Amino acid sequence: MKKLAIAVALTAAAFSLPVWAASKTVTLSIPSMYCEVCPITVKKALTKVDGVAKVEVNFSKRQATVTYDDAKASVETLTRATANAGYPSTLER
């Protein structure tokens, strides 16, 4: 009886686990970065987005590379974050 209860509990737990989201990495073009402080502001804005795991900002290329959980964030939320910080961005293709 005890083994049956454990089996039922494990089965229920297995089916109630969340679906794992994929980690994605994108590069955003941010042409409005014009000074050495701009990347700090951009990085701070992007790291505040729920689901963002890593942000690297390259001032000389005017780009930000962002790794995020696609179940929690999207390119739209990332570009909105940079725009709200004063630095509109677009997805690099």
PDB file of N, CA and C in Angstrom:
ATOM      1  N   MET A   1       0.822  -1.202   0.000  1.00  0.00           N
ATOM      2  CA  MET A   1       0.000   0.000   0.000  1.00  0.00           C
ATOM      3  C   MET A   1       0.865   1.265   0.000  1.00  0.00           C
ATOM      4  N   LYS A   2       1.933   1.223   0.810  1.00  0.00           N
ATOM      5  CA  LYS A   2       2.825   2.376   0.895  1.00  0.00           C
ATOM      6  C   LYS A   2       3.521   2.615  -0.445  1.00  0.00           C
ATOM      7  N   LYS A   3       3.938   1.548  -1.132  1.00  0.00           N
ATOM      8  CA  LYS A   3       4.585   1.671  -2.435  1.00  0.00           C
ATOM      9  C   LYS A   3       3.634   2.244  -3.472  1.00  0.00           C
ATOM     10  N   LEU A   4       2.362   1.867  -3.386  1.00  0.00           N
ATOM     11  CA  LEU A   4       1.350   2.387  -4.307  1.00  0.00           C
ATOM     12  C   LEU A   4       1.175   3.892  -4.106  1.00  0.00           C
ATOM     13  N   ALA A   5       1.128   4.318  -2.855  1.00  0.00           N
ATOM     14  CA  ALA A   5       0.963   5.743  -2.555  1.00  0.00           C
ATOM     15  C   ALA A   5       2.155   6.543  -3.074  1.00  0.00           C
ATOM     16  N   ILE A   6       3.346   6.003  -2.924  1.00  0.00           N
ATOM     17  CA  ILE A   6       4.540   6.687  -3.411  1.00  0.00           C
ATOM     18  C   ILE A   6       4.528   6.760  -4.935  1.00  0.00           C
ATOM     19  N   ALA A   7       4.133   5.670  -5.577  1.00  0.00           N
ATOM     20  CA  ALA A   7       4.062   5.649  -7.036  1.00  0.00           C
ATOM     21  C   ALA A   7       3.061   6.666  -7.557  1.00  0.00           C
ATOM     22  N   VAL A   8       1.916   6.755  -6.907  1.00  0.00           N
ATOM     23  CA  VAL A   8       0.885   7.722  -7.317  1.00  0.00           C
ATOM     24  C   VAL A   8       1.398   9.150  -7.118  1.00  0.00           C
ATOM     25  N   ALA A   9       2.071   9.395  -6.003  1.00  0.00           N
ATOM     26  CA  ALA A   9       2.602  10.734  -5.728  1.00  0.00           C
ATOM     27  C   ALA A   9       3.671  11.116  -6.749  1.00  0.00           C
ATOM     28  N   LEU A  10       4.553  10.197  -7.084  1.00  0.00           N
ATOM     29  CA  LEU A  10       5.595  10.477  -8.076  1.00  0.00           C
ATOM     30  C   LEU A  10       5.010  10.712  -9.463  1.00  0.00           C
ATOM     31  N   THR A  11       3.996   9.941  -9.818  1.00  0.00           N
ATOM     32  CA  THR A  11       3.341  10.120 -11.112  1.00  0.00           C
ATOM     33  C   THR A  11       2.662  11.485 -11.183  1.00  0.00           C
ATOM     34  N   ALA A  12       1.965  11.840 -10.121  1.00  0.00           N
ATOM     35  CA  ALA A  12       1.289  13.145 -10.084  1.00  0.00           C
ATOM     36  C   ALA A  12       2.305  14.276 -10.168  1.00  0.00           C
ATOM     37  N   ALA A  13       3.433  14.127  -9.470  1.00  0.00           N
ATOM     38  CA  ALA A  13       4.464  15.160  -9.508  1.00  0.00           C
ATOM     39  C   ALA A  13       5.059  15.289 -10.903  1.00  0.00           C
ATOM     40  N   ALA A  14       5.256  14.174 -11.571  1.00  0.00           N
ATOM     41  CA  ALA A  14       5.839  14.202 -12.919  1.00  0.00           C
ATOM     42  C   ALA A  14       4.942  14.935 -13.906  1.00  0.00           C
ATOM     43  N   PHE A  15       3.636  14.754 -13.775  1.00  0.00           N
ATOM     44  CA  PHE A  15       2.716  15.407 -14.703  1.00  0.00           C
ATOM     45  C   PHE A  15       2.417  16.852 -14.340  1.00  0.00           C
ATOM     46  N   SER A  16       2.769  17.266 -13.138  1.00  0.00           N
ATOM     47  CA  SER A  16       2.499  18.640 -12.735  1.00  0.00           C
ATOM     48  C   SER A  16       3.719  19.535 -12.880  1.00  0.00           C
ATOM     49  N   LEU A  17       4.857  18.987 -13.331  1.00  0.00           N
ATOM     50  CA  LEU A  17       6.049  19.798 -13.530  1.00  0.00           C
ATOM     51  C   LEU A  17       5.831  20.790 -14.663  1.00  0.00           C
ATOM     52  N   PRO A  18       6.385  21.983 -14.520  1.00  0.00           N
ATOM     53  CA  PRO A  18       6.229  22.965 -15.603  1.00  0.00           C
ATOM     54  C   PRO A  18       7.018  22.541 -16.837  1.00  0.00           C
ATOM     55  N   VAL A  19       6.580  23.023 -17.965  1.00  0.00           N
ATOM     56  CA  VAL A  19       7.294  22.773 -19.209  1.00  0.00           C
ATOM     57  C   VAL A  19       8.549  23.642 -19.186  1.00  0.00           C
ATOM     58  N   TRP A  20       9.683  23.059 -19.506  1.00  0.00           N
ATOM     59  CA  TRP A  20      10.942  23.799 -19.484  1.00  0.00           C
ATOM     60  C   TRP A  20      11.049  24.675 -20.721  1.00  0.00           C
ATOM     61  N   ALA A  21      11.373  25.913 -20.486  1.00  0.00           N
ATOM     62  CA  ALA A  21      11.518  26.857 -21.589  1.00  0.00           C
ATOM     63  C   ALA A  21      12.944  26.798 -22.121  1.00  0.00           C
ATOM     64  N   ALA A  22      13.099  27.272 -23.295  1.00  0.00           N
ATOM     65  CA  ALA A  22      14.416  27.298 -23.919  1.00  0.00           C
ATOM     66  C   ALA A  22      15.127  28.605 -23.591  1.00  0.00           C
ATOM     67  N   SER A  23      16.423  28.510 -23.466  1.00  0.00           N
ATOM     68  CA  SER A  23      17.241  29.690 -23.287  1.00  0.00           C
ATOM     69  C   SER A  23      17.595  30.195 -24.683  1.00  0.00           C
ATOM     70  N   LYS A  24      17.380  31.478 -24.903  1.00  0.00           N
ATOM     71  CA  LYS A  24      17.686  32.075 -26.208  1.00  0.00           C
ATOM     72  C   LYS A  24      18.684  33.208 -26.030  1.00  0.00           C
ATOM     73  N   THR A  25      19.463  33.430 -27.074  1.00  0.00           N
ATOM     74  CA  THR A  25      20.401  34.549 -27.085  1.00  0.00           C
ATOM     75  C   THR A  25      20.144  35.363 -28.337  1.00  0.00           C
ATOM     76  N   VAL A  26      19.985  36.667 -28.137  1.00  0.00           N
ATOM     77  CA  VAL A  26      19.766  37.579 -29.265  1.00  0.00           C
ATOM     78  C   VAL A  26      20.733  38.755 -29.152  1.00  0.00           C
ATOM     79  N   THR A  27      20.947  39.406 -30.273  1.00  0.00           N
ATOM     80  CA  THR A  27      21.756  40.620 -30.298  1.00  0.00           C
ATOM     81  C   THR A  27      20.859  41.776 -30.705  1.00  0.00           C
ATOM     82  N   LEU A  28      20.897  42.809 -29.891  1.00  0.00           N
ATOM     83  CA  LEU A  28      20.104  44.006 -30.157  1.00  0.00           C
ATOM     84  C   LEU A  28      21.015  45.114 -30.666  1.00  0.00           C
ATOM     85  N   SER A  29      20.564  45.826 -31.680  1.00  0.00           N
ATOM     86  CA  SER A  29      21.268  46.993 -32.187  1.00  0.00           C
ATOM     87  C   SER A  29      20.755  48.210 -31.424  1.00  0.00           C
ATOM     88  N   ILE A  30      21.678  48.975 -30.860  1.00  0.00           N
ATOM     89  CA  ILE A  30      21.297  50.157 -30.073  1.00  0.00           C
ATOM     90  C   ILE A  30      22.131  51.345 -30.560  1.00  0.00           C
ATOM     91  N   PRO A  31      21.736  51.936 -31.677  1.00  0.00           N
ATOM     92  CA  PRO A  31      22.541  53.011 -32.283  1.00  0.00           C
ATOM     93  C   PRO A  31      22.591  54.302 -31.469  1.00  0.00           C
ATOM     94  N   SER A  32      21.688  54.487 -30.530  1.00  0.00           N
ATOM     95  CA  SER A  32      21.653  55.740 -29.777  1.00  0.00           C
ATOM     96  C   SER A  32      22.626  55.783 -28.602  1.00  0.00           C
ATOM     97  N   MET A  33      23.441  54.748 -28.396  1.00  0.00           N
ATOM     98  CA  MET A  33      24.469  54.808 -27.350  1.00  0.00           C
ATOM     99  C   MET A  33      25.593  55.707 -27.857  1.00  0.00           C
ATOM    100  N   TYR A  34      25.847  56.799 -27.174  1.00  0.00           N
ATOM    101  CA  TYR A  34      26.818  57.768 -27.663  1.00  0.00           C
ATOM    102  C   TYR A  34      27.942  58.081 -26.677  1.00  0.00           C
ATOM    103  N   CYS A  35      27.857  57.559 -25.454  1.00  0.00           N
ATOM    104  CA  CYS A  35      28.918  57.846 -24.483  1.00  0.00           C
ATOM    105  C   CYS A  35      29.249  56.586 -23.683  1.00  0.00           C
ATOM    106  N   GLU A  36      30.297  56.649 -22.907  1.00  0.00           N
ATOM    107  CA  GLU A  36      30.766  55.492 -22.145  1.00  0.00           C
ATOM    108  C   GLU A  36      29.795  55.074 -21.032  1.00  0.00           C
ATOM    109  N   VAL A  37      28.889  55.937 -20.619  1.00  0.00           N
ATOM    110  CA  VAL A  37      27.928  55.615 -19.557  1.00  0.00           C
ATOM    111  C   VAL A  37      26.693  54.907 -20.122  1.00  0.00           C
ATOM    112  N   CYS A  38      26.401  55.102 -21.374  1.00  0.00           N
ATOM    113  CA  CYS A  38      25.210  54.504 -21.991  1.00  0.00           C
ATOM    114  C   CYS A  38      25.135  52.984 -21.808  1.00  0.00           C
ATOM    115  N   PRO A  39      26.218  52.226 -22.015  1.00  0.00           N
ATOM    116  CA  PRO A  39      26.131  50.775 -21.849  1.00  0.00           C
ATOM    117  C   PRO A  39      25.742  50.349 -20.430  1.00  0.00           C
ATOM    118  N   ILE A  40      26.139  51.138 -19.445  1.00  0.00           N
ATOM    119  CA  ILE A  40      25.780  50.825 -18.059  1.00  0.00           C
ATOM    120  C   ILE A  40      24.272  50.922 -17.884  1.00  0.00           C
ATOM    121  N   THR A  41      23.683  51.969 -18.418  1.00  0.00           N
ATOM    122  CA  THR A  41      22.239  52.168 -18.327  1.00  0.00           C
ATOM    123  C   THR A  41      21.488  51.084 -19.087  1.00  0.00           C
ATOM    124  N   VAL A  42      21.962  50.749 -20.274  1.00  0.00           N
ATOM    125  CA  VAL A  42      21.320  49.708 -21.090  1.00  0.00           C
ATOM    126  C   VAL A  42      21.384  48.357 -20.371  1.00  0.00           C
ATOM    127  N   LYS A  43      22.546  48.021 -19.851  1.00  0.00           N
ATOM    128  CA  LYS A  43      22.711  46.743 -19.155  1.00  0.00           C
ATOM    129  C   LYS A  43      21.793  46.667 -17.930  1.00  0.00           C
ATOM    130  N   LYS A  44      21.724  47.744 -17.185  1.00  0.00           N
ATOM    131  CA  LYS A  44      20.870  47.783 -15.996  1.00  0.00           C
ATOM    132  C   LYS A  44      19.401  47.579 -16.377  1.00  0.00           C
ATOM    133  N   ALA A  45      18.961  48.221 -17.456  1.00  0.00           N
ATOM    134  CA  ALA A  45      17.574  48.085 -17.902  1.00  0.00           C
ATOM    135  C   ALA A  45      17.270  46.652 -18.337  1.00  0.00           C
ATOM    136  N   LEU A  46      18.190  46.041 -19.054  1.00  0.00           N
ATOM    137  CA  LEU A  46      17.965  44.678 -19.548  1.00  0.00           C
ATOM    138  C   LEU A  46      18.019  43.644 -18.428  1.00  0.00           C
ATOM    139  N   THR A  47      18.899  43.817 -17.459  1.00  0.00           N
ATOM    140  CA  THR A  47      18.994  42.838 -16.372  1.00  0.00           C
ATOM    141  C   THR A  47      17.770  42.870 -15.459  1.00  0.00           C
ATOM    142  N   LYS A  48      17.016  43.961 -15.490  1.00  0.00           N
ATOM    143  CA  LYS A  48      15.787  44.040 -14.697  1.00  0.00           C
ATOM    144  C   LYS A  48      14.627  43.265 -15.319  1.00  0.00           C
ATOM    145  N   VAL A  49      14.741  42.873 -16.576  1.00  0.00           N
ATOM    146  CA  VAL A  49      13.674  42.130 -17.253  1.00  0.00           C
ATOM    147  C   VAL A  49      13.645  40.708 -16.698  1.00  0.00           C
ATOM    148  N   ASP A  50      12.469  40.282 -16.259  1.00  0.00           N
ATOM    149  CA  ASP A  50      12.299  38.939 -15.712  1.00  0.00           C
ATOM    150  C   ASP A  50      12.669  37.902 -16.767  1.00  0.00           C
ATOM    151  N   GLY A  51      13.540  36.973 -16.406  1.00  0.00           N
ATOM    152  CA  GLY A  51      13.944  35.924 -17.319  1.00  0.00           C
ATOM    153  C   GLY A  51      15.295  36.147 -17.973  1.00  0.00           C
ATOM    154  N   VAL A  52      15.852  37.342 -17.842  1.00  0.00           N
ATOM    155  CA  VAL A  52      17.155  37.620 -18.435  1.00  0.00           C
ATOM    156  C   VAL A  52      18.244  37.000 -17.565  1.00  0.00           C
ATOM    157  N   ALA A  53      19.104  36.200 -18.199  1.00  0.00           N
ATOM    158  CA  ALA A  53      20.171  35.505 -17.477  1.00  0.00           C
ATOM    159  C   ALA A  53      21.526  36.195 -17.636  1.00  0.00           C
ATOM    160  N   LYS A  54      21.761  36.801 -18.804  1.00  0.00           N
ATOM    161  CA  LYS A  54      23.074  37.387 -19.078  1.00  0.00           C
ATOM    162  C   LYS A  54      22.938  38.532 -20.071  1.00  0.00           C
ATOM    163  N   VAL A  55      23.695  39.596 -19.833  1.00  0.00           N
ATOM    164  CA  VAL A  55      23.704  40.752 -20.736  1.00  0.00           C
ATOM    165  C   VAL A  55      25.142  41.187 -20.950  1.00  0.00           C
ATOM    166  N   GLU A  56      25.522  41.339 -22.203  1.00  0.00           N
ATOM    167  CA  GLU A  56      26.825  41.895 -22.562  1.00  0.00           C
ATOM    168  C   GLU A  56      26.572  43.056 -23.521  1.00  0.00           C
ATOM    169  N   VAL A  57      27.079  44.224 -23.162  1.00  0.00           N
ATOM    170  CA  VAL A  57      26.883  45.408 -23.996  1.00  0.00           C
ATOM    171  C   VAL A  57      28.224  45.820 -24.583  1.00  0.00           C
ATOM    172  N   ASN A  58      28.243  46.023 -25.898  1.00  0.00           N
ATOM    173  CA  ASN A  58      29.452  46.423 -26.607  1.00  0.00           C
ATOM    174  C   ASN A  58      29.229  47.839 -27.137  1.00  0.00           C
ATOM    175  N   PHE A  59      29.900  48.794 -26.492  1.00  0.00           N
ATOM    176  CA  PHE A  59      29.719  50.199 -26.864  1.00  0.00           C
ATOM    177  C   PHE A  59      30.217  50.484 -28.273  1.00  0.00           C
ATOM    178  N   SER A  60      31.375  49.950 -28.641  1.00  0.00           N
ATOM    179  CA  SER A  60      31.947  50.267 -29.955  1.00  0.00           C
ATOM    180  C   SER A  60      31.094  49.727 -31.102  1.00  0.00           C
ATOM    181  N   LYS A  61      30.417  48.602 -30.883  1.00  0.00           N
ATOM    182  CA  LYS A  61      29.537  48.041 -31.917  1.00  0.00           C
ATOM    183  C   LYS A  61      28.097  48.527 -31.773  1.00  0.00           C
ATOM    184  N   ARG A  62      27.799  49.218 -30.679  1.00  0.00           N
ATOM    185  CA  ARG A  62      26.434  49.687 -30.394  1.00  0.00           C
ATOM    186  C   ARG A  62      25.458  48.504 -30.350  1.00  0.00           C
ATOM    187  N   GLN A  63      25.849  47.461 -29.607  1.00  0.00           N
ATOM    188  CA  GLN A  63      25.052  46.240 -29.517  1.00  0.00           C
ATOM    189  C   GLN A  63      24.965  45.736 -28.082  1.00  0.00           C
ATOM    190  N   ALA A  64      23.903  44.975 -27.836  1.00  0.00           N
ATOM    191  CA  ALA A  64      23.758  44.252 -26.576  1.00  0.00           C
ATOM    192  C   ALA A  64      23.397  42.812 -26.928  1.00  0.00           C
ATOM    193  N   THR A  65      24.103  41.870 -26.324  1.00  0.00           N
ATOM    194  CA  THR A  65      23.803  40.456 -26.505  1.00  0.00           C
ATOM    195  C   THR A  65      23.141  39.986 -25.224  1.00  0.00           C
ATOM    196  N   VAL A  66      21.936  39.433 -25.371  1.00  0.00           N
ATOM    197  CA  VAL A  66      21.124  39.078 -24.210  1.00  0.00           C
ATOM    198  C   VAL A  66      20.740  37.603 -24.271  1.00  0.00           C
ATOM    199  N   THR A  67      20.960  36.897 -23.165  1.00  0.00           N
ATOM    200  CA  THR A  67      20.523  35.519 -23.022  1.00  0.00           C
ATOM    201  C   THR A  67      19.359  35.534 -22.043  1.00  0.00           C
ATOM    202  N   TYR A  68      18.241  34.919 -22.447  1.00  0.00           N
ATOM    203  CA  TYR A  68      17.029  34.992 -21.632  1.00  0.00           C
ATOM    204  C   TYR A  68      16.202  33.715 -21.753  1.00  0.00           C
ATOM    205  N   ASP A  69      15.293  33.548 -20.819  1.00  0.00           N
ATOM    206  CA  ASP A  69      14.358  32.429 -20.791  1.00  0.00           C
ATOM    207  C   ASP A  69      13.149  32.849 -21.629  1.00  0.00           C
ATOM    208  N   ASP A  70      12.906  32.139 -22.737  1.00  0.00           N
ATOM    209  CA  ASP A  70      11.842  32.575 -23.642  1.00  0.00           C
ATOM    210  C   ASP A  70      10.441  32.347 -23.101  1.00  0.00           C
ATOM    211  N   ALA A  71      10.305  31.706 -21.954  1.00  0.00           N
ATOM    212  CA  ALA A  71       8.991  31.574 -21.320  1.00  0.00           C
ATOM    213  C   ALA A  71       8.670  32.802 -20.470  1.00  0.00           C
ATOM    214  N   LYS A  72       9.700  33.567 -20.131  1.00  0.00           N
ATOM    215  CA  LYS A  72       9.506  34.729 -19.263  1.00  0.00           C
ATOM    216  C   LYS A  72       9.716  36.059 -19.981  1.00  0.00           C
ATOM    217  N   ALA A  73      10.485  36.054 -21.043  1.00  0.00           N
ATOM    218  CA  ALA A  73      10.798  37.297 -21.752  1.00  0.00           C
ATOM    219  C   ALA A  73      10.721  37.060 -23.255  1.00  0.00           C
ATOM    220  N   SER A  74      10.735  38.149 -23.990  1.00  0.00           N
ATOM    221  CA  SER A  74      10.698  38.082 -25.457  1.00  0.00           C
ATOM    222  C   SER A  74      11.523  39.241 -26.007  1.00  0.00           C
ATOM    223  N   VAL A  75      11.753  39.210 -27.294  1.00  0.00           N
ATOM    224  CA  VAL A  75      12.484  40.318 -27.926  1.00  0.00           C
ATOM    225  C   VAL A  75      11.718  41.615 -27.688  1.00  0.00           C
ATOM    226  N   GLU A  76      10.409  41.537 -27.736  1.00  0.00           N
ATOM    227  CA  GLU A  76       9.588  42.735 -27.509  1.00  0.00           C
ATOM    228  C   GLU A  76       9.814  43.313 -26.107  1.00  0.00           C
ATOM    229  N   THR A  77       9.865  42.469 -25.087  1.00  0.00           N
ATOM    230  CA  THR A  77      10.088  42.990 -23.729  1.00  0.00           C
ATOM    231  C   THR A  77      11.509  43.549 -23.578  1.00  0.00           C
ATOM    232  N   LEU A  78      12.452  42.953 -24.283  1.00  0.00           N
ATOM    233  CA  LEU A  78      13.828  43.459 -24.224  1.00  0.00           C
ATOM    234  C   LEU A  78      13.943  44.823 -24.901  1.00  0.00           C
ATOM    235  N   THR A  79      13.363  44.957 -26.091  1.00  0.00           N
ATOM    236  CA  THR A  79      13.438  46.240 -26.795  1.00  0.00           C
ATOM    237  C   THR A  79      12.624  47.312 -26.067  1.00  0.00           C
ATOM    238  N   ARG A  80      11.543  46.903 -25.429  1.00  0.00           N
ATOM    239  CA  ARG A  80      10.761  47.860 -24.635  1.00  0.00           C
ATOM    240  C   ARG A  80      11.581  48.360 -23.444  1.00  0.00           C
ATOM    241  N   ALA A  81      12.344  47.471 -22.825  1.00  0.00           N
ATOM    242  CA  ALA A  81      13.179  47.861 -21.677  1.00  0.00           C
ATOM    243  C   ALA A  81      14.238  48.878 -22.083  1.00  0.00           C
ATOM    244  N   THR A  82      14.889  48.652 -23.222  1.00  0.00           N
ATOM    245  CA  THR A  82      15.902  49.616 -23.652  1.00  0.00           C
ATOM    246  C   THR A  82      15.264  50.946 -24.050  1.00  0.00           C
ATOM    247  N   ALA A  83      14.121  50.881 -24.719  1.00  0.00           N
ATOM    248  CA  ALA A  83      13.426  52.119 -25.117  1.00  0.00           C
ATOM    249  C   ALA A  83      12.984  52.911 -23.888  1.00  0.00           C
ATOM    250  N   ASN A  84      12.481  52.213 -22.883  1.00  0.00           N
ATOM    251  CA  ASN A  84      12.053  52.899 -21.655  1.00  0.00           C
ATOM    252  C   ASN A  84      13.232  53.538 -20.925  1.00  0.00           C
ATOM    253  N   ALA A  85      14.429  53.000 -21.140  1.00  0.00           N
ATOM    254  CA  ALA A  85      15.627  53.581 -20.533  1.00  0.00           C
ATOM    255  C   ALA A  85      16.200  54.716 -21.393  1.00  0.00           C
ATOM    256  N   GLY A  86      15.576  54.966 -22.549  1.00  0.00           N
ATOM    257  CA  GLY A  86      16.024  56.050 -23.421  1.00  0.00           C
ATOM    258  C   GLY A  86      16.893  55.610 -24.583  1.00  0.00           C
ATOM    259  N   TYR A  87      16.974  54.294 -24.796  1.00  0.00           N
ATOM    260  CA  TYR A  87      17.820  53.756 -25.855  1.00  0.00           C
ATOM    261  C   TYR A  87      17.036  52.769 -26.720  1.00  0.00           C
ATOM    262  N   PRO A  88      16.304  53.253 -27.688  1.00  0.00           N
ATOM    263  CA  PRO A  88      15.545  52.350 -28.564  1.00  0.00           C
ATOM    264  C   PRO A  88      16.478  51.320 -29.230  1.00  0.00           C
ATOM    265  N   SER A  89      15.986  50.106 -29.349  1.00  0.00           N
ATOM    266  CA  SER A  89      16.799  49.050 -29.967  1.00  0.00           C
ATOM    267  C   SER A  89      15.974  48.221 -30.916  1.00  0.00           C
ATOM    268  N   THR A  90      16.683  47.503 -31.776  1.00  0.00           N
ATOM    269  CA  THR A  90      16.030  46.584 -32.706  1.00  0.00           C
ATOM    270  C   THR A  90      16.826  45.278 -32.718  1.00  0.00           C
ATOM    271  N   LEU A  91      16.158  44.220 -33.130  1.00  0.00           N
ATOM    272  CA  LEU A  91      16.801  42.920 -33.228  1.00  0.00           C
ATOM    273  C   LEU A  91      17.766  42.915 -34.405  1.00  0.00           C
ATOM    274  N   GLU A  92      19.009  42.490 -34.150  1.00  0.00           N
ATOM    275  CA  GLU A  92      19.993  42.354 -35.234  1.00  0.00           C
ATOM    276  C   GLU A  92      19.636  41.116 -36.029  1.00  0.00           C
ATOM    277  N   ARG A  93      19.744  41.170 -37.297  1.00  0.00           N
ATOM    278  CA  ARG A  93      19.434  39.997 -38.159  1.00  0.00           C
ATOM    279  C   ARG A  93      20.699  39.426 -38.699  1.00  0.00           C
TER     280      ARG A  93
END
